[in-house]
Amino acid sequence: MGRGDKKSLKGKRTMGSYGVTRLKRKPVKPRPAAAEKPAKAAPVADAEPKKKAKKTEKAEK
């Protein structure tokens, strides 16, 4: 297995062929320009804060 072997990676590199062992890279598509996003609405100050659940103590054995 070496440069003359069509199935090895080194052989594919030497011959310039592609396949399962040596895959071609897909061309990178250019990303579209970032569209302007609308500003997020400010949080309402009158809303009550959420209450947290109380932690229960573990039962002693």
C-alpha atoms as a PDB file:
ATOM      1  CA  MET A   1       0.000   0.000   0.000  1.00  0.00           C
ATOM      2  CA  GLY A   2       1.579   3.186  -1.101  1.00  0.00           C
ATOM      3  CA  ARG A   3       1.667   5.698  -3.861  1.00  0.00           C
ATOM      4  CA  GLY A   4       0.454   3.311  -6.557  1.00  0.00           C
ATOM      5  CA  ASP A   5      -2.548   2.011  -4.594  1.00  0.00           C
ATOM      6  CA  LYS A   6      -5.799   3.594  -5.827  1.00  0.00           C
ATOM      7  CA  LYS A   7      -7.621   2.750  -2.593  1.00  0.00           C
ATOM      8  CA  SER A   8      -5.184   4.354  -0.147  1.00  0.00           C
ATOM      9  CA  LEU A   9      -5.155   8.041   0.714  1.00  0.00           C
ATOM     10  CA  LYS A  10      -1.548   8.429  -0.373  1.00  0.00           C
ATOM     11  CA  GLY A  11      -2.306   6.777  -3.709  1.00  0.00           C
ATOM     12  CA  LYS A  12      -5.321   8.994  -4.294  1.00  0.00           C
ATOM     13  CA  ARG A  13      -3.231  12.087  -3.545  1.00  0.00           C
ATOM     14  CA  THR A  14      -0.568  10.926  -6.021  1.00  0.00           C
ATOM     15  CA  MET A  15      -3.093  10.171  -8.756  1.00  0.00           C
ATOM     16  CA  GLY A  16      -5.237  13.220  -8.007  1.00  0.00           C
ATOM     17  CA  SER A  17      -8.437  11.214  -7.719  1.00  0.00           C
ATOM     18  CA  TYR A  18     -11.213  11.473  -5.144  1.00  0.00           C
ATOM     19  CA  GLY A  19     -13.492   8.913  -3.519  1.00  0.00           C
ATOM     20  CA  VAL A  20     -14.540   7.510  -0.155  1.00  0.00           C
ATOM     21  CA  THR A  21     -10.998   7.671   1.232  1.00  0.00           C
ATOM     22  CA  ARG A  22     -10.324  11.192  -0.062  1.00  0.00           C
ATOM     23  CA  LEU A  23     -13.411  13.385  -0.209  1.00  0.00           C
ATOM     24  CA  LYS A  24     -13.646  16.694  -2.028  1.00  0.00           C
ATOM     25  CA  ARG A  25     -14.324  19.795  -0.008  1.00  0.00           C
ATOM     26  CA  LYS A  26     -17.609  21.465  -0.808  1.00  0.00           C
ATOM     27  CA  PRO A  27     -17.296  25.108  -1.881  1.00  0.00           C
ATOM     28  CA  VAL A  28     -18.201  27.521   0.894  1.00  0.00           C
ATOM     29  CA  LYS A  29     -21.320  29.539   0.147  1.00  0.00           C
ATOM     30  CA  PRO A  30     -21.040  33.235   1.014  1.00  0.00           C
ATOM     31  CA  ARG A  31     -23.279  34.192   3.903  1.00  0.00           C
ATOM     32  CA  PRO A  32     -26.013  36.728   3.186  1.00  0.00           C
ATOM     33  CA  ALA A  33     -25.612  40.152   4.749  1.00  0.00           C
ATOM     34  CA  ALA A  34     -27.092  40.364   8.232  1.00  0.00           C
ATOM     35  CA  ALA A  35     -30.566  41.808   8.008  1.00  0.00           C
ATOM     36  CA  GLU A  36     -31.460  44.578  10.415  1.00  0.00           C
ATOM     37  CA  LYS A  37     -33.311  43.189  13.397  1.00  0.00           C
ATOM     38  CA  PRO A  38     -36.006  45.215  15.123  1.00  0.00           C
ATOM     39  CA  ALA A  39     -35.072  46.391  18.607  1.00  0.00           C
ATOM     40  CA  LYS A  40     -36.389  44.288  21.456  1.00  0.00           C
ATOM     41  CA  ALA A  41     -39.175  45.770  23.555  1.00  0.00           C
ATOM     42  CA  ALA A  42     -38.092  46.991  26.979  1.00  0.00           C
ATOM     43  CA  PRO A  43     -39.278  44.793  29.870  1.00  0.00           C
ATOM     44  CA  VAL A  44     -42.336  46.043  31.702  1.00  0.00           C
ATOM     45  CA  ALA A  45     -41.351  47.580  35.064  1.00  0.00           C
ATOM     46  CA  ASP A  46     -44.817  47.113  36.651  1.00  0.00           C
ATOM     47  CA  ALA A  47     -44.735  43.311  36.374  1.00  0.00           C
ATOM     48  CA  GLU A  48     -44.234  41.377  39.599  1.00  0.00           C
ATOM     49  CA  PRO A  49     -41.040  39.330  39.869  1.00  0.00           C
ATOM     50  CA  LYS A  50     -41.450  35.572  39.690  1.00  0.00           C
ATOM     51  CA  LYS A  51     -41.397  33.799  43.026  1.00  0.00           C
ATOM     52  CA  LYS A  52     -38.859  31.052  43.561  1.00  0.00           C
ATOM     53  CA  ALA A  53     -39.853  27.707  45.029  1.00  0.00           C
ATOM     54  CA  LYS A  54     -38.618  27.121  48.555  1.00  0.00           C
ATOM     55  CA  LYS A  55     -36.042  24.435  49.109  1.00  0.00           C
ATOM     56  CA  THR A  56     -37.130  21.619  51.394  1.00  0.00           C
ATOM     57  CA  GLU A  57     -34.805  20.202  53.981  1.00  0.00           C
ATOM     58  CA  LYS A  58     -33.630  16.653  53.527  1.00  0.00           C
ATOM     59  CA  ALA A  59     -35.029  14.120  55.950  1.00  0.00           C
ATOM     60  CA  GLU A  60     -32.432  12.902  58.425  1.00  0.00           C
ATOM     61  CA  LYS A  61     -31.952   9.178  58.742  1.00  0.00           C
END
